C-alpha atoms as a PDB file:
ATOM      1  CA  MET A   1      32.648 -34.000 -60.400  1.00  0.00           C
ATOM      2  CA  THR A   2      34.230 -34.552 -57.022  1.00  0.00           C
ATOM      3  CA  ALA A   3      31.270 -32.818 -55.357  1.00  0.00           C
ATOM      4  CA  GLN A   4      28.934 -35.298 -57.052  1.00  0.00           C
ATOM      5  CA  HIS A   5      31.216 -38.179 -55.963  1.00  0.00           C
ATOM      6  CA  TYR A   6      31.952 -39.271 -59.550  1.00  0.00           C
ATOM      7  CA  VAL A   7      35.728 -38.919 -59.106  1.00  0.00           C
ATOM      8  CA  SER A   8      38.095 -39.050 -56.168  1.00  0.00           C
ATOM      9  CA  ARG A   9      41.144 -36.864 -55.856  1.00  0.00           C
ATOM     10  CA  ALA A  10      44.528 -37.841 -54.399  1.00  0.00           C
ATOM     11  CA  ARG A  11      47.943 -36.215 -54.330  1.00  0.00           C
ATOM     12  CA  ASP A  12      50.586 -38.028 -56.397  1.00  0.00           C
ATOM     13  CA  LEU A  13      53.166 -39.131 -53.850  1.00  0.00           C
ATOM     14  CA  ALA A  14      55.886 -39.377 -56.516  1.00  0.00           C
ATOM     15  CA  ASP A  15      55.213 -35.842 -57.791  1.00  0.00           C
ATOM     16  CA  ARG A  16      53.464 -33.629 -55.250  1.00  0.00           C
ATOM     17  CA  ARG A  17      52.624 -31.073 -57.974  1.00  0.00           C
ATOM     18  CA  ARG A  18      50.177 -33.535 -59.522  1.00  0.00           C
ATOM     19  CA  THR A  19      46.700 -34.506 -58.425  1.00  0.00           C
ATOM     20  CA  LEU A  20      45.399 -37.899 -59.501  1.00  0.00           C
ATOM     21  CA  LEU A  21      41.724 -38.283 -60.377  1.00  0.00           C
ATOM     22  CA  THR A  22      40.035 -41.691 -60.292  1.00  0.00           C
ATOM     23  CA  LEU A  23      36.491 -42.701 -61.162  1.00  0.00           C
ATOM     24  CA  THR A  24      34.496 -43.798 -58.145  1.00  0.00           C
ATOM     25  CA  ALA A  25      31.880 -46.557 -58.232  1.00  0.00           C
ATOM     26  CA  GLU A  26      29.280 -43.826 -58.859  1.00  0.00           C
ATOM     27  CA  GLY A  27      31.418 -42.451 -61.689  1.00  0.00           C
ATOM     28  CA  ARG A  28      31.744 -45.889 -63.291  1.00  0.00           C
ATOM     29  CA  GLU A  29      27.967 -46.366 -63.060  1.00  0.00           C
ATOM     30  CA  LEU A  30      27.357 -42.977 -64.684  1.00  0.00           C
ATOM     31  CA  HIS A  31      29.836 -43.756 -67.456  1.00  0.00           C
ATOM     32  CA  ALA A  32      28.171 -47.114 -68.118  1.00  0.00           C
ATOM     33  CA  SER A  33      24.716 -45.502 -68.239  1.00  0.00           C
ATOM     34  CA  LEU A  34      25.850 -42.883 -70.779  1.00  0.00           C
ATOM     35  CA  GLU A  35      28.032 -45.067 -72.982  1.00  0.00           C
ATOM     36  CA  ALA A  36      25.227 -46.575 -75.108  1.00  0.00           C
ATOM     37  CA  ALA A  37      23.690 -43.145 -75.767  1.00  0.00           C
ATOM     38  CA  ALA A  38      27.090 -41.721 -76.758  1.00  0.00           C
ATOM     39  CA  GLU A  39      27.733 -44.630 -79.140  1.00  0.00           C
ATOM     40  CA  LYS A  40      24.339 -44.070 -80.761  1.00  0.00           C
ATOM     41  CA  ILE A  41      25.012 -40.356 -81.238  1.00  0.00           C
ATOM     42  CA  ASN A  42      28.463 -41.070 -82.677  1.00  0.00           C
ATOM     43  CA  ALA A  43      26.970 -43.562 -85.136  1.00  0.00           C
ATOM     44  CA  GLU A  44      24.353 -41.019 -86.228  1.00  0.00           C
ATOM     45  CA  LEU A  45      26.995 -38.328 -86.745  1.00  0.00           C
ATOM     46  CA  LEU A  46      29.251 -40.651 -88.748  1.00  0.00           C
ATOM     47  CA  ALA A  47      26.337 -41.881 -90.859  1.00  0.00           C
ATOM     48  CA  VAL A  48      26.485 -38.705 -92.962  1.00  0.00           C
ATOM     49  CA  PHE A  49      29.897 -39.788 -94.290  1.00  0.00           C
ATOM     50  CA  PRO A  50      30.295 -42.490 -96.928  1.00  0.00           C
ATOM     51  CA  ASP A  51      31.675 -45.769 -95.548  1.00  0.00           C
ATOM     52  CA  GLU A  52      35.029 -45.267 -97.250  1.00  0.00           C
ATOM     53  CA  LEU A  53      35.558 -41.896 -95.492  1.00  0.00           C
ATOM     54  CA  ARG A  54      34.525 -42.809 -91.943  1.00  0.00           C
ATOM     55  CA  GLY A  55      37.932 -44.177 -90.991  1.00  0.00           C
ATOM     56  CA  GLU A  56      39.617 -40.984 -92.153  1.00  0.00           C
ATOM     57  CA  VAL A  57      37.082 -38.842 -90.268  1.00  0.00           C
ATOM     58  CA  LEU A  58      37.793 -40.801 -87.076  1.00  0.00           C
ATOM     59  CA  ARG A  59      41.555 -40.405 -87.550  1.00  0.00           C
ATOM     60  CA  VAL A  60      41.184 -36.631 -87.994  1.00  0.00           C
ATOM     61  CA  LEU A  61      38.964 -36.349 -84.918  1.00  0.00           C
ATOM     62  CA  ALA A  62      41.430 -38.404 -82.870  1.00  0.00           C
ATOM     63  CA  ARG A  63      44.260 -36.146 -83.967  1.00  0.00           C
ATOM     64  CA  ILE A  64      42.281 -33.037 -83.043  1.00  0.00           C
ATOM     65  CA  SER A  65      41.432 -34.465 -79.612  1.00  0.00           C
ATOM     66  CA  GLN A  66      45.130 -35.049 -78.873  1.00  0.00           C
ATOM     67  CA  ARG A  67      45.935 -31.340 -79.100  1.00  0.00           C
END
């Protein structure tokens, strides 16, 4: 992503072992252009679950993503 100029890379001055990544203007534009499509796909995937289960599905997915 750095080669495509979507993120910039900088050494963390407080902890030289870390590298900080930041979205560039190009990266923010790409994110904005993809966000609506991602929201649509997420809505389609969640549509298979009854309304009363969607919150629980989202909680489980959030927990999985944190691992």
